[in-house]
């Protein structure tokens, strides 16, 4: 079967792999835009450190106090439909027993006849908020890269749970891809980042062919960008920094840009005191 097939499991987690809450918000949009039912949730005692990820106390609609524990859950569409179906794996990145955690979910995916796996994440990068959010789309699967025109990651270093799940899925014979949005690192105070969430959902739809709900994300993304514009307007140093990032991005995106031109622009940027066009996160696939 070419591509990811008709039952695609999409995974995103709160935590390390979720800069600007872009990835977890994308899963939330998918979940709220469809009709899903729970297939399985892990036992939180096995995988979470409650001093690191604490349970939450809340009050329900009837005024009763409730205690919600950290979770990781597999969801499936409640109704069968034609075309590609998106299954969801979402929750909090586990604190321990990652191999058992990944094996538990991928074994379940095999039993449910999942045909493809897509990990979605987001990372802080040296990119301008005023330009389209770039999304790295990659795969270690040779056939999948050829069928879907994906890149091969060259990253080496510490990995997050998405990388572990992807590795286990690929080893089990489930073709695997990854989508990573680059979130401007200077907008940490403007979380969540709906513009990055929208970019991930757009790319997910292109990759899988499944219709993806976006709701009012375009409006939220425009308001997010405007709020950063307003903050930068009162900060000359930030305005100049954004201008430098825009120039670097435009040079890279221009049709006439060559490898030498990009390298020269990179060197000029470094001489101006920048850290480079991308500041890799701990699970950055492009590093």
Foldseek 3Di string as FASTA:
>chain_A
DAAQDAEEEEEDEPDQFQQLVQRVVLLVQQPVVAAKDWDDKDDLVVFADCVVVNWDWDADPVRDIDTGDWIWTKIFGPDDDPGHGYIYIYTHFTDDDLLVVLVVVLVVCVVVVRQAYEYEGEDEKQAALVDQWDKQKAFPDPSNCVRQVHHHFPDDADAGSSVVNQVVNVVVPRGYMYIYTHDHNVVSVLGNQLSSNVVVQVVVCSRRVDDGDNPCSVVVNVVSSVVVVVVVVVPVVSVVSSVLNVVLVCLVPDPPRDPVNNVVSQVVCVVVPDPGRTDARRHRRHD
